[in-house]
C-alpha atoms as a PDB file:
ATOM      1  CA  MET A   1      15.698 307.920 141.029  1.00  0.00           C
ATOM      2  CA  VAL A   2      12.010 307.111 140.762  1.00  0.00           C
ATOM      3  CA  ASP A   3       9.981 308.327 137.791  1.00  0.00           C
ATOM      4  CA  ASP A   4       6.841 309.891 139.285  1.00  0.00           C
ATOM      5  CA  GLN A   5       4.697 309.034 136.266  1.00  0.00           C
ATOM      6  CA  VAL A   6       5.773 305.385 136.306  1.00  0.00           C
ATOM      7  CA  ALA A   7       5.159 305.217 140.046  1.00  0.00           C
ATOM      8  CA  ARG A   8       1.712 306.775 139.682  1.00  0.00           C
ATOM      9  CA  GLU A   9       0.723 304.320 136.929  1.00  0.00           C
ATOM     10  CA  ALA A  10       1.822 301.384 139.073  1.00  0.00           C
ATOM     11  CA  TYR A  11      -0.020 302.745 142.112  1.00  0.00           C
ATOM     12  CA  LEU A  12      -3.248 303.153 140.117  1.00  0.00           C
ATOM     13  CA  HIS A  13      -2.861 299.587 138.797  1.00  0.00           C
ATOM     14  CA  TYR A  14      -2.616 298.212 142.328  1.00  0.00           C
ATOM     15  CA  ARG A  15      -5.346 300.472 143.659  1.00  0.00           C
ATOM     16  CA  GLN A  16      -7.756 299.064 141.073  1.00  0.00           C
ATOM     17  CA  LEU A  17      -6.520 295.504 141.563  1.00  0.00           C
ATOM     18  CA  LEU A  18      -7.078 295.636 145.320  1.00  0.00           C
ATOM     19  CA  ASP A  19     -10.392 297.491 145.089  1.00  0.00           C
ATOM     20  CA  ASP A  20     -11.818 295.056 142.527  1.00  0.00           C
ATOM     21  CA  SER A  21     -10.638 291.713 143.902  1.00  0.00           C
ATOM     22  CA  TRP A  22     -10.267 289.613 147.032  1.00  0.00           C
ATOM     23  CA  MET A  23      -6.573 290.525 147.146  1.00  0.00           C
ATOM     24  CA  GLY A  24      -7.348 293.680 149.094  1.00  0.00           C
ATOM     25  CA  VAL A  25      -8.296 291.527 152.097  1.00  0.00           C
ATOM     26  CA  ALA A  26      -5.219 289.403 152.798  1.00  0.00           C
ATOM     27  CA  ILE A  27      -2.090 288.507 150.809  1.00  0.00           C
ATOM     28  CA  CYS A  28       1.647 288.180 151.081  1.00  0.00           C
ATOM     29  CA  TRP A  29       3.636 289.060 147.954  1.00  0.00           C
ATOM     30  CA  THR A  30       7.379 288.402 147.922  1.00  0.00           C
ATOM     31  CA  VAL A  31       9.838 288.984 145.088  1.00  0.00           C
ATOM     32  CA  LEU A  32      13.479 287.906 145.008  1.00  0.00           C
ATOM     33  CA  VAL A  33      15.889 289.296 142.437  1.00  0.00           C
ATOM     34  CA  PRO A  34      19.047 287.115 142.284  1.00  0.00           C
ATOM     35  CA  HIS A  35      22.373 288.806 141.586  1.00  0.00           C
ATOM     36  CA  GLY A  36      23.668 288.054 138.113  1.00  0.00           C
ATOM     37  CA  GLY A  37      20.490 286.402 136.842  1.00  0.00           C
ATOM     38  CA  SER A  38      21.109 283.092 138.614  1.00  0.00           C
ATOM     39  CA  ALA A  39      17.890 281.093 138.831  1.00  0.00           C
ATOM     40  CA  LEU A  40      16.965 279.210 142.019  1.00  0.00           C
ATOM     41  CA  SER A  41      15.681 275.666 141.828  1.00  0.00           C
ATOM     42  CA  LEU A  42      12.373 274.715 143.402  1.00  0.00           C
ATOM     43  CA  ALA A  43      14.314 272.707 145.975  1.00  0.00           C
ATOM     44  CA  GLU A  44      16.362 275.775 146.950  1.00  0.00           C
ATOM     45  CA  ILE A  45      13.228 277.883 147.275  1.00  0.00           C
ATOM     46  CA  GLY A  46      11.482 275.249 149.388  1.00  0.00           C
ATOM     47  CA  GLU A  47      14.471 274.883 151.695  1.00  0.00           C
ATOM     48  CA  ARG A  48      14.833 278.623 152.151  1.00  0.00           C
ATOM     49  CA  VAL A  49      11.177 279.065 153.000  1.00  0.00           C
ATOM     50  CA  GLY A  50      10.691 275.917 155.055  1.00  0.00           C
ATOM     51  CA  GLU A  51      14.175 275.679 156.580  1.00  0.00           C
ATOM     52  CA  THR A  52      13.407 272.198 157.945  1.00  0.00           C
ATOM     53  CA  GLY A  53      13.223 270.765 154.437  1.00  0.00           C
ATOM     54  CA  HIS A  54       9.662 269.501 154.994  1.00  0.00           C
ATOM     55  CA  TYR A  55       7.818 270.733 151.930  1.00  0.00           C
ATOM     56  CA  GLU A  56       5.931 269.371 148.947  1.00  0.00           C
ATOM     57  CA  VAL A  57       5.729 270.723 145.418  1.00  0.00           C
ATOM     58  CA  TYR A  58       2.571 270.397 143.331  1.00  0.00           C
ATOM     59  CA  GLU A  59       2.882 271.192 139.643  1.00  0.00           C
ATOM     60  CA  THR A  60      -0.256 272.799 138.250  1.00  0.00           C
ATOM     61  CA  ASP A  61      -1.616 273.391 134.782  1.00  0.00           C
ATOM     62  CA  THR A  62      -3.539 276.475 135.900  1.00  0.00           C
ATOM     63  CA  PHE A  63      -0.737 278.982 135.410  1.00  0.00           C
ATOM     64  CA  GLU A  64       1.178 280.006 132.323  1.00  0.00           C
ATOM     65  CA  HIS A  65       4.732 279.779 133.607  1.00  0.00           C
ATOM     66  CA  GLU A  66       6.358 277.429 136.084  1.00  0.00           C
ATOM     67  CA  GLU A  67       4.170 278.316 139.015  1.00  0.00           C
ATOM     68  CA  VAL A  68       3.723 275.592 141.568  1.00  0.00           C
ATOM     69  CA  PHE A  69       1.797 274.965 144.728  1.00  0.00           C
ATOM     70  CA  MET A  70       4.074 274.434 147.692  1.00  0.00           C
ATOM     71  CA  HIS A  71       2.889 273.015 151.004  1.00  0.00           C
ATOM     72  CA  LEU A  72       4.855 272.426 154.152  1.00  0.00           C
ATOM     73  CA  SER A  73       3.958 269.044 155.628  1.00  0.00           C
ATOM     74  CA  ASP A  74       4.671 269.551 159.319  1.00  0.00           C
ATOM     75  CA  ASP A  75       2.798 271.009 162.278  1.00  0.00           C
ATOM     76  CA  ALA A  76       2.816 274.548 160.856  1.00  0.00           C
ATOM     77  CA  PRO A  77       1.438 274.185 157.335  1.00  0.00           C
ATOM     78  CA  TRP A  78       1.691 276.938 154.791  1.00  0.00           C
ATOM     79  CA  ALA A  79       1.036 277.198 151.090  1.00  0.00           C
ATOM     80  CA  MET A  80       2.231 279.489 148.336  1.00  0.00           C
ATOM     81  CA  LEU A  81       2.438 279.890 144.596  1.00  0.00           C
ATOM     82  CA  VAL A  82       5.898 280.149 143.079  1.00  0.00           C
ATOM     83  CA  ASP A  83       6.932 281.681 139.763  1.00  0.00           C
ATOM     84  CA  ARG A  84      10.633 281.518 138.955  1.00  0.00           C
ATOM     85  CA  SER A  85      12.872 282.600 136.131  1.00  0.00           C
ATOM     86  CA  ASP A  86      16.498 283.653 135.755  1.00  0.00           C
ATOM     87  CA  ARG A  87      15.417 287.206 136.572  1.00  0.00           C
ATOM     88  CA  HIS A  88      13.223 286.738 139.632  1.00  0.00           C
ATOM     89  CA  VAL A  89      11.375 284.481 142.010  1.00  0.00           C
ATOM     90  CA  ALA A  90       7.840 285.552 142.947  1.00  0.00           C
ATOM     91  CA  LEU A  91       6.005 283.986 145.886  1.00  0.00           C
ATOM     92  CA  PHE A  92       2.302 284.513 146.540  1.00  0.00           C
ATOM     93  CA  GLU A  93       0.303 283.636 149.655  1.00  0.00           C
ATOM     94  CA  ASN A  94      -3.333 284.592 150.130  1.00  0.00           C
ATOM     95  CA  ASN A  95      -3.554 283.240 153.669  1.00  0.00           C
ATOM     96  CA  GLY A  96      -0.096 283.348 155.163  1.00  0.00           C
ATOM     97  CA  PHE A  97       2.934 285.493 155.792  1.00  0.00           C
ATOM     98  CA  GLN A  98       5.957 283.208 155.486  1.00  0.00           C
ATOM     99  CA  GLY A  99       7.542 285.418 152.847  1.00  0.00           C
ATOM    100  CA  VAL A 100       7.690 288.550 154.991  1.00  0.00           C
ATOM    101  CA  TYR A 101       8.815 286.724 158.142  1.00  0.00           C
ATOM    102  CA  PRO A 102      12.349 288.106 158.770  1.00  0.00           C
ATOM    103  CA  PRO A 103      14.205 284.761 159.000  1.00  0.00           C
ATOM    104  CA  VAL A 104      12.536 283.570 155.769  1.00  0.00           C
ATOM    105  CA  LEU A 105      12.999 286.842 153.879  1.00  0.00           C
ATOM    106  CA  SER A 106      16.643 286.917 154.940  1.00  0.00           C
ATOM    107  CA  ARG A 107      17.218 283.366 153.676  1.00  0.00           C
ATOM    108  CA  LEU A 108      15.409 284.110 150.423  1.00  0.00           C
ATOM    109  CA  SER A 109      17.667 287.111 149.836  1.00  0.00           C
ATOM    110  CA  MET A 110      20.904 285.116 149.904  1.00  0.00           C
ATOM    111  CA  GLY A 111      22.661 285.903 146.653  1.00  0.00           C
ATOM    112  CA  GLY A 112      20.218 288.669 145.805  1.00  0.00           C
ATOM    113  CA  ARG A 113      17.594 291.154 147.012  1.00  0.00           C
ATOM    114  CA  ALA A 114      14.197 290.180 148.447  1.00  0.00           C
ATOM    115  CA  TYR A 115      11.136 292.355 149.040  1.00  0.00           C
ATOM    116  CA  SER A 116       7.827 291.455 150.656  1.00  0.00           C
ATOM    117  CA  ALA A 117       4.488 292.984 151.669  1.00  0.00           C
ATOM    118  CA  TYR A 118       1.844 291.311 153.825  1.00  0.00           C
ATOM    119  CA  TRP A 119      -1.540 292.272 155.270  1.00  0.00           C
ATOM    120  CA  ASN A 120      -4.562 290.499 156.691  1.00  0.00           C
ATOM    121  CA  ALA A 121      -8.240 291.321 157.093  1.00  0.00           C
ATOM    122  CA  ASN A 122      -7.511 293.268 160.291  1.00  0.00           C
ATOM    123  CA  ALA A 123      -4.904 295.461 158.526  1.00  0.00           C
ATOM    124  CA  THR A 124      -2.102 293.813 160.467  1.00  0.00           C
ATOM    125  CA  ASN A 125       0.758 294.221 158.015  1.00  0.00           C
ATOM    126  CA  SER A 126       4.471 294.239 157.398  1.00  0.00           C
ATOM    127  CA  VAL A 127       6.712 295.417 154.584  1.00  0.00           C
ATOM    128  CA  GLY A 128      10.242 294.022 154.435  1.00  0.00           C
ATOM    129  CA  PHE A 129      13.479 294.208 152.480  1.00  0.00           C
ATOM    130  CA  ALA A 130      16.569 291.978 152.755  1.00  0.00           C
ATOM    131  CA  VAL A 131      19.856 291.709 150.859  1.00  0.00           C
ATOM    132  CA  ASP A 132      22.396 288.885 150.794  1.00  0.00           C
ATOM    133  CA  GLY A 133      20.981 287.204 153.871  1.00  0.00           C
ATOM    134  CA  GLU A 134      20.701 290.433 155.876  1.00  0.00           C
ATOM    135  CA  MET A 135      17.336 291.849 157.004  1.00  0.00           C
ATOM    136  CA  VAL A 136      17.622 295.515 156.016  1.00  0.00           C
ATOM    137  CA  LEU A 137      14.214 296.993 156.798  1.00  0.00           C
ATOM    138  CA  SER A 138      10.864 295.887 158.264  1.00  0.00           C
ATOM    139  CA  PHE A 139       7.988 298.205 159.160  1.00  0.00           C
ATOM    140  CA  ASP A 140       4.231 298.750 159.419  1.00  0.00           C
ATOM    141  CA  ALA A 141       3.033 300.385 156.188  1.00  0.00           C
ATOM    142  CA  MET A 142       0.143 302.149 157.930  1.00  0.00           C
ATOM    143  CA  PHE A 143       2.674 304.129 159.933  1.00  0.00           C
ATOM    144  CA  THR A 144       5.443 304.662 157.423  1.00  0.00           C
ATOM    145  CA  GLU A 145       6.532 307.839 159.162  1.00  0.00           C
ATOM    146  CA  GLU A 146       7.883 305.675 161.972  1.00  0.00           C
ATOM    147  CA  ALA A 147      10.150 303.869 159.491  1.00  0.00           C
ATOM    148  CA  VAL A 148      11.713 307.059 158.114  1.00  0.00           C
ATOM    149  CA  GLY A 149      15.227 307.282 159.471  1.00  0.00           C
ATOM    150  CA  LEU A 150      15.455 303.651 160.539  1.00  0.00           C
ATOM    151  CA  PRO A 151      18.691 301.863 159.662  1.00  0.00           C
ATOM    152  CA  GLY A 152      18.088 300.545 156.161  1.00  0.00           C
ATOM    153  CA  TRP A 153      15.497 303.153 155.146  1.00  0.00           C
ATOM    154  CA  GLU A 154      17.936 304.828 152.752  1.00  0.00           C
ATOM    155  CA  ARG A 155      18.766 301.479 151.119  1.00  0.00           C
ATOM    156  CA  TRP A 156      15.292 301.129 149.555  1.00  0.00           C
ATOM    157  CA  PRO A 157      14.859 304.316 147.496  1.00  0.00           C
ATOM    158  CA  GLN A 158      11.602 303.163 145.904  1.00  0.00           C
ATOM    159  CA  VAL A 159       9.862 302.811 149.248  1.00  0.00           C
ATOM    160  CA  GLN A 160      11.215 306.215 150.287  1.00  0.00           C
ATOM    161  CA  ALA A 161       9.749 307.756 147.144  1.00  0.00           C
ATOM    162  CA  VAL A 162       6.338 306.058 147.261  1.00  0.00           C
ATOM    163  CA  LEU A 163       4.989 305.102 150.667  1.00  0.00           C
ATOM    164  CA  PRO A 164       5.188 308.454 152.480  1.00  0.00           C
ATOM    165  CA  SER A 165       3.123 310.000 149.657  1.00  0.00           C
ATOM    166  CA  PHE A 166       0.027 307.840 150.310  1.00  0.00           C
ATOM    167  CA  ASP A 167      -1.704 308.544 153.602  1.00  0.00           C
ATOM    168  CA  TRP A 168      -4.456 306.085 154.593  1.00  0.00           C
ATOM    169  CA  GLU A 169      -6.052 308.770 156.748  1.00  0.00           C
ATOM    170  CA  ARG A 170      -6.782 310.664 153.507  1.00  0.00           C
ATOM    171  CA  GLY A 171      -8.383 307.578 151.962  1.00  0.00           C
ATOM    172  CA  GLU A 172      -5.286 306.567 150.005  1.00  0.00           C
ATOM    173  CA  SER A 173      -4.046 302.992 149.846  1.00  0.00           C
ATOM    174  CA  TRP A 174      -0.913 302.015 151.760  1.00  0.00           C
ATOM    175  CA  ARG A 175      -1.456 298.500 150.370  1.00  0.00           C
ATOM    176  CA  ALA A 176      -1.228 299.705 146.771  1.00  0.00           C
ATOM    177  CA  ALA A 177       1.755 301.890 147.674  1.00  0.00           C
ATOM    178  CA  ALA A 178       3.608 298.924 149.198  1.00  0.00           C
ATOM    179  CA  LEU A 179       3.095 296.809 146.070  1.00  0.00           C
ATOM    180  CA  THR A 180       4.161 299.767 143.939  1.00  0.00           C
ATOM    181  CA  ALA A 181       7.436 300.051 145.852  1.00  0.00           C
ATOM    182  CA  ILE A 182       8.128 296.347 145.273  1.00  0.00           C
ATOM    183  CA  GLU A 183       7.384 296.598 141.550  1.00  0.00           C
ATOM    184  CA  LEU A 184       9.609 299.641 141.146  1.00  0.00           C
ATOM    185  CA  ALA A 185      12.451 297.820 142.921  1.00  0.00           C
ATOM    186  CA  THR A 186      12.095 294.533 141.038  1.00  0.00           C
ATOM    187  CA  GLY A 187      10.284 295.148 137.758  1.00  0.00           C
ATOM    188  CA  VAL A 188       7.796 292.390 138.682  1.00  0.00           C
ATOM    189  CA  ARG A 189       4.069 293.174 138.590  1.00  0.00           C
ATOM    190  CA  LEU A 190       1.333 291.350 140.473  1.00  0.00           C
ATOM    191  CA  ASN A 191      -1.939 291.072 138.569  1.00  0.00           C
ATOM    192  CA  GLU A 192      -5.063 288.969 138.654  1.00  0.00           C
ATOM    193  CA  GLU A 193      -4.057 287.026 135.547  1.00  0.00           C
ATOM    194  CA  TRP A 194      -0.868 285.884 137.284  1.00  0.00           C
ATOM    195  CA  VAL A 195      -2.771 284.569 140.264  1.00  0.00           C
ATOM    196  CA  GLY A 196      -5.535 283.011 138.151  1.00  0.00           C
ATOM    197  CA  GLU A 197      -7.276 280.347 140.199  1.00  0.00           C
ATOM    198  CA  ALA A 198      -4.909 280.586 143.155  1.00  0.00           C
ATOM    199  CA  PRO A 199      -7.562 280.717 145.917  1.00  0.00           C
ATOM    200  CA  SER A 200      -8.752 277.188 145.070  1.00  0.00           C
ATOM    201  CA  PHE A 201      -5.227 275.861 145.727  1.00  0.00           C
ATOM    202  CA  LEU A 202      -4.212 277.851 148.790  1.00  0.00           C
ATOM    203  CA  THR A 203      -6.029 275.875 151.435  1.00  0.00           C
ATOM    204  CA  GLY A 204      -3.274 275.909 154.061  1.00  0.00           C
END
């Protein structure tokens, strides 16, 4: 059950965030909620994202928690910020989409639930949900009506409650709605303070 007032407040938060910052142009935001509050190590996160095991971790003093800069050192470089606790793992990319890529999202979800939303400057986008290594749902948020009824649609009640209500053709924000659905499912909020100086580190 989704509280409409809570959902509306979250949507307005993301609408303002995306309207007032560079994050409205291109990001990928991924949140993993482990079952039973079991924290993942940085090595586990790197292996799940990179699969090949070729990754580097850069500790930073820019962020308040244990965020790090991760960079894959092979022919397909990527970079992301990582924030981990015993309640969640949050991954942020401002120029990439590893988190929403089905094989990666599936691996990230092992032992938990993983949610991701991605878009670029051309509005190419994807919203995904995986559980225990299984890709449950993946769809284009601009055309949410095409996702209704897909196998897995009923397994993400927050996205059912939020995304169909915000129609981009009426000037509403499918981007903000996608982030709202992730927050409602995970309890994790993306804000500008969390990202801080991220663009100076995410050089790909």
